[in-house]
Amino acid sequence: MTESVDVLIIAPEPPVYAHPGDAGADLVSAEAVHLAPGQRALVGTGVRIALPEGYAAFVVPRSGLAAKHGITVVNSPGTVDAGYRGEIKVTLLNTDATEGYDIAVGDRIAQLIVMPVPRARFIPVEELPDSVRGDGGFGSTGYQKDGNA
């Protein structure tokens, strides 16, 4: 069984996991919003949480909204730090060029993933160790199966 963590919450409707084993719990809209083509909006969820030290929550898009309607989370993943106590709001973007999208109160608009996050110690050095990838960046491995392009 997967380890669980207690998260204190104030919410009109707490996030829920749709299925056993889901990583993300659904966040729902606390307000009605119309997203015109290409428009973005900051949408309230009414959810406020207190994460334990050493944890963070990440707000990510819902795959169905993205695939079917072009609705995504602009700053994905949105990071909720353990010390934050304000309302979790989701910056949604309608990427569809022609169709608007209506969000009603109670609609599932994003997912919240709670994870342990270790604190990094940044150690200044003169040179980094070699790796197989090296300094190859965006697109350095190509996009076709055979590695071309």
C-alpha atoms as a PDB file:
ATOM      1  CA  MET A   1       0.000   0.000   0.000  1.00  0.00           C
ATOM      2  CA  THR A   2       1.174   3.516  -0.799  1.00  0.00           C
ATOM      3  CA  GLU A   3       2.156   5.807   2.044  1.00  0.00           C
ATOM      4  CA  SER A   4      -0.309   8.613   2.721  1.00  0.00           C
ATOM      5  CA  VAL A   5       0.198  12.041   4.233  1.00  0.00           C
ATOM      6  CA  ASP A   6      -2.281  14.099   6.247  1.00  0.00           C
ATOM      7  CA  VAL A   7      -3.032  17.476   4.643  1.00  0.00           C
ATOM      8  CA  LEU A   8      -5.079  19.993   6.595  1.00  0.00           C
ATOM      9  CA  ILE A   9      -7.666  21.630   4.341  1.00  0.00           C
ATOM     10  CA  ILE A  10     -10.323  24.323   4.236  1.00  0.00           C
ATOM     11  CA  ALA A  11     -12.544  23.826   1.185  1.00  0.00           C
ATOM     12  CA  PRO A  12     -16.165  23.884   0.109  1.00  0.00           C
ATOM     13  CA  GLU A  13     -15.394  20.668  -1.785  1.00  0.00           C
ATOM     14  CA  PRO A  14     -12.124  18.869  -0.935  1.00  0.00           C
ATOM     15  CA  PRO A  15     -10.179  17.362  -3.838  1.00  0.00           C
ATOM     16  CA  VAL A  16     -10.959  13.688  -4.469  1.00  0.00           C
ATOM     17  CA  TYR A  17      -9.168  10.888  -6.264  1.00  0.00           C
ATOM     18  CA  ALA A  18     -11.364   9.541  -9.081  1.00  0.00           C
ATOM     19  CA  HIS A  19      -9.866   6.040  -9.025  1.00  0.00           C
ATOM     20  CA  PRO A  20      -7.717   3.931  -6.700  1.00  0.00           C
ATOM     21  CA  GLY A  21      -4.055   4.474  -7.549  1.00  0.00           C
ATOM     22  CA  ASP A  22      -4.577   7.920  -9.124  1.00  0.00           C
ATOM     23  CA  ALA A  23      -1.674  10.308  -8.498  1.00  0.00           C
ATOM     24  CA  GLY A  24      -3.761  13.478  -8.807  1.00  0.00           C
ATOM     25  CA  ALA A  25      -6.839  14.513  -6.862  1.00  0.00           C
ATOM     26  CA  ASP A  26      -9.355  16.580  -8.824  1.00  0.00           C
ATOM     27  CA  LEU A  27      -9.652  20.296  -8.105  1.00  0.00           C
ATOM     28  CA  VAL A  28     -13.009  21.835  -8.971  1.00  0.00           C
ATOM     29  CA  SER A  29     -13.935  25.366  -9.921  1.00  0.00           C
ATOM     30  CA  ALA A  30     -15.502  27.578  -7.268  1.00  0.00           C
ATOM     31  CA  GLU A  31     -16.683  30.046  -9.916  1.00  0.00           C
ATOM     32  CA  ALA A  32     -18.293  30.121 -13.351  1.00  0.00           C
ATOM     33  CA  VAL A  33     -15.926  31.282 -16.102  1.00  0.00           C
ATOM     34  CA  HIS A  34     -16.139  31.583 -19.877  1.00  0.00           C
ATOM     35  CA  LEU A  35     -12.831  31.102 -21.683  1.00  0.00           C
ATOM     36  CA  ALA A  36     -12.935  32.584 -25.176  1.00  0.00           C
ATOM     37  CA  PRO A  37     -10.522  31.175 -27.778  1.00  0.00           C
ATOM     38  CA  GLY A  38      -6.970  32.005 -26.721  1.00  0.00           C
ATOM     39  CA  GLN A  39      -8.122  33.502 -23.392  1.00  0.00           C
ATOM     40  CA  ARG A  40      -6.672  32.682 -19.987  1.00  0.00           C
ATOM     41  CA  ALA A  41      -8.228  33.172 -16.556  1.00  0.00           C
ATOM     42  CA  LEU A  42      -7.254  32.702 -12.934  1.00  0.00           C
ATOM     43  CA  VAL A  43      -9.932  30.375 -11.563  1.00  0.00           C
ATOM     44  CA  GLY A  44     -10.546  29.944  -7.842  1.00  0.00           C
ATOM     45  CA  THR A  45     -11.023  26.528  -6.259  1.00  0.00           C
ATOM     46  CA  GLY A  46     -11.901  27.635  -2.730  1.00  0.00           C
ATOM     47  CA  VAL A  47      -9.225  25.197  -1.495  1.00  0.00           C
ATOM     48  CA  ARG A  48      -6.648  26.206   1.118  1.00  0.00           C
ATOM     49  CA  ILE A  49      -4.219  23.639   2.486  1.00  0.00           C
ATOM     50  CA  ALA A  50      -1.436  23.271   5.026  1.00  0.00           C
ATOM     51  CA  LEU A  51       1.192  20.860   3.754  1.00  0.00           C
ATOM     52  CA  PRO A  52       3.713  19.330   6.142  1.00  0.00           C
ATOM     53  CA  GLU A  53       7.319  20.497   5.847  1.00  0.00           C
ATOM     54  CA  GLY A  54       9.129  18.493   3.181  1.00  0.00           C
ATOM     55  CA  TYR A  55       6.075  18.304   0.903  1.00  0.00           C
ATOM     56  CA  ALA A  56       4.810  20.342  -2.029  1.00  0.00           C
ATOM     57  CA  ALA A  57       1.661  20.134  -4.113  1.00  0.00           C
ATOM     58  CA  PHE A  58       1.666  20.493  -7.882  1.00  0.00           C
ATOM     59  CA  VAL A  59      -1.318  21.727  -9.914  1.00  0.00           C
ATOM     60  CA  VAL A  60      -1.417  19.996 -13.301  1.00  0.00           C
ATOM     61  CA  PRO A  61      -3.848  19.909 -16.250  1.00  0.00           C
ATOM     62  CA  ARG A  62      -6.590  17.315 -16.648  1.00  0.00           C
ATOM     63  CA  SER A  63      -5.823  15.236 -19.732  1.00  0.00           C
ATOM     64  CA  GLY A  64      -9.472  15.051 -20.861  1.00  0.00           C
ATOM     65  CA  LEU A  65      -9.894  18.834 -20.837  1.00  0.00           C
ATOM     66  CA  ALA A  66      -6.657  19.254 -22.763  1.00  0.00           C
ATOM     67  CA  ALA A  67      -7.373  16.576 -25.376  1.00  0.00           C
ATOM     68  CA  LYS A  68     -11.066  17.291 -25.936  1.00  0.00           C
ATOM     69  CA  HIS A  69     -11.248  21.072 -25.481  1.00  0.00           C
ATOM     70  CA  GLY A  70      -7.688  22.478 -25.528  1.00  0.00           C
ATOM     71  CA  ILE A  71      -7.926  23.660 -21.907  1.00  0.00           C
ATOM     72  CA  THR A  72      -4.584  23.589 -20.110  1.00  0.00           C
ATOM     73  CA  VAL A  73      -2.848  25.030 -17.054  1.00  0.00           C
ATOM     74  CA  VAL A  74      -0.539  27.867 -18.086  1.00  0.00           C
ATOM     75  CA  ASN A  75       2.063  27.567 -15.322  1.00  0.00           C
ATOM     76  CA  SER A  76       2.047  23.789 -15.240  1.00  0.00           C
ATOM     77  CA  PRO A  77       2.953  22.508 -12.884  1.00  0.00           C
ATOM     78  CA  GLY A  78       1.850  25.212 -10.500  1.00  0.00           C
ATOM     79  CA  THR A  79       3.765  24.739  -7.264  1.00  0.00           C
ATOM     80  CA  VAL A  80       2.114  25.019  -3.849  1.00  0.00           C
ATOM     81  CA  ASP A  81       4.807  25.333  -1.173  1.00  0.00           C
ATOM     82  CA  ALA A  82       4.403  23.950   2.345  1.00  0.00           C
ATOM     83  CA  GLY A  83       4.274  27.461   3.812  1.00  0.00           C
ATOM     84  CA  TYR A  84       1.503  28.781   1.515  1.00  0.00           C
ATOM     85  CA  ARG A  85      -1.912  29.166   3.152  1.00  0.00           C
ATOM     86  CA  GLY A  86      -3.881  31.096   0.512  1.00  0.00           C
ATOM     87  CA  GLU A  87      -6.485  29.804  -1.910  1.00  0.00           C
ATOM     88  CA  ILE A  88      -5.225  27.506  -4.658  1.00  0.00           C
ATOM     89  CA  LYS A  89      -6.128  29.162  -7.935  1.00  0.00           C
ATOM     90  CA  VAL A  90      -5.591  27.669 -11.371  1.00  0.00           C
ATOM     91  CA  THR A  91      -4.472  29.692 -14.390  1.00  0.00           C
ATOM     92  CA  LEU A  92      -6.399  28.079 -17.228  1.00  0.00           C
ATOM     93  CA  LEU A  93      -5.797  28.741 -20.924  1.00  0.00           C
ATOM     94  CA  ASN A  94      -8.104  27.902 -23.815  1.00  0.00           C
ATOM     95  CA  THR A  95      -5.745  26.900 -26.629  1.00  0.00           C
ATOM     96  CA  ASP A  96      -8.582  26.284 -29.090  1.00  0.00           C
ATOM     97  CA  ALA A  97      -8.428  28.852 -31.890  1.00  0.00           C
ATOM     98  CA  THR A  98     -12.163  28.899 -32.615  1.00  0.00           C
ATOM     99  CA  GLU A  99     -14.253  27.465 -29.747  1.00  0.00           C
ATOM    100  CA  GLY A 100     -14.929  29.048 -26.358  1.00  0.00           C
ATOM    101  CA  TYR A 101     -15.321  26.903 -23.267  1.00  0.00           C
ATOM    102  CA  ASP A 102     -17.630  27.370 -20.277  1.00  0.00           C
ATOM    103  CA  ILE A 103     -16.591  26.302 -16.795  1.00  0.00           C
ATOM    104  CA  ALA A 104     -19.356  25.890 -14.223  1.00  0.00           C
ATOM    105  CA  VAL A 105     -19.054  25.846 -10.445  1.00  0.00           C
ATOM    106  CA  GLY A 106     -18.089  22.297  -9.477  1.00  0.00           C
ATOM    107  CA  ASP A 107     -16.429  21.388 -12.794  1.00  0.00           C
ATOM    108  CA  ARG A 108     -13.162  19.492 -12.484  1.00  0.00           C
ATOM    109  CA  ILE A 109     -10.503  21.869 -13.822  1.00  0.00           C
ATOM    110  CA  ALA A 110      -7.115  20.521 -12.705  1.00  0.00           C
ATOM    111  CA  GLN A 111      -5.429  17.916 -10.555  1.00  0.00           C
ATOM    112  CA  LEU A 112      -3.430  18.319  -7.353  1.00  0.00           C
ATOM    113  CA  ILE A 113      -0.457  16.024  -6.792  1.00  0.00           C
ATOM    114  CA  VAL A 114       1.094  16.002  -3.302  1.00  0.00           C
ATOM    115  CA  MET A 115       4.697  14.797  -3.161  1.00  0.00           C
ATOM    116  CA  PRO A 116       7.637  14.702  -0.789  1.00  0.00           C
ATOM    117  CA  VAL A 117      10.275  17.186  -1.904  1.00  0.00           C
ATOM    118  CA  PRO A 118      13.789  16.956  -0.494  1.00  0.00           C
ATOM    119  CA  ARG A 119      15.656  20.163   0.198  1.00  0.00           C
ATOM    120  CA  ALA A 120      18.631  20.493  -2.178  1.00  0.00           C
ATOM    121  CA  ARG A 121      22.102  21.574  -1.093  1.00  0.00           C
ATOM    122  CA  PHE A 122      23.695  23.465  -3.969  1.00  0.00           C
ATOM    123  CA  ILE A 123      27.449  22.809  -3.963  1.00  0.00           C
ATOM    124  CA  PRO A 124      29.571  25.184  -6.085  1.00  0.00           C
ATOM    125  CA  VAL A 125      32.216  23.391  -8.182  1.00  0.00           C
ATOM    126  CA  GLU A 126      34.579  24.388 -10.998  1.00  0.00           C
ATOM    127  CA  GLU A 127      33.512  21.536 -13.300  1.00  0.00           C
ATOM    128  CA  LEU A 128      30.638  19.073 -13.496  1.00  0.00           C
ATOM    129  CA  PRO A 129      31.158  15.316 -13.911  1.00  0.00           C
ATOM    130  CA  ASP A 130      30.688  13.837 -17.393  1.00  0.00           C
ATOM    131  CA  SER A 131      27.430  12.138 -18.382  1.00  0.00           C
ATOM    132  CA  VAL A 132      26.159  10.245 -21.408  1.00  0.00           C
ATOM    133  CA  ARG A 133      23.975  13.200 -22.423  1.00  0.00           C
ATOM    134  CA  GLY A 134      26.539  15.902 -21.759  1.00  0.00           C
ATOM    135  CA  ASP A 135      25.350  19.417 -22.529  1.00  0.00           C
ATOM    136  CA  GLY A 136      22.835  18.366 -25.238  1.00  0.00           C
ATOM    137  CA  GLY A 137      19.679  20.411 -24.708  1.00  0.00           C
ATOM    138  CA  PHE A 138      16.192  20.747 -26.140  1.00  0.00           C
ATOM    139  CA  GLY A 139      15.758  18.462 -29.144  1.00  0.00           C
ATOM    140  CA  SER A 140      19.268  17.036 -28.891  1.00  0.00           C
ATOM    141  CA  THR A 141      17.972  13.447 -29.069  1.00  0.00           C
ATOM    142  CA  GLY A 142      15.676  14.095 -32.058  1.00  0.00           C
ATOM    143  CA  TYR A 143      12.020  13.215 -32.332  1.00  0.00           C
ATOM    144  CA  GLN A 144      11.928  10.300 -34.784  1.00  0.00           C
ATOM    145  CA  LYS A 145      12.332   6.704 -33.686  1.00  0.00           C
ATOM    146  CA  ASP A 146      15.632   6.295 -35.562  1.00  0.00           C
ATOM    147  CA  GLY A 147      17.045   9.470 -33.984  1.00  0.00           C
ATOM    148  CA  ASN A 148      16.968  11.589 -37.158  1.00  0.00           C
ATOM    149  CA  ALA A 149      15.980  15.253 -37.099  1.00  0.00           C
END
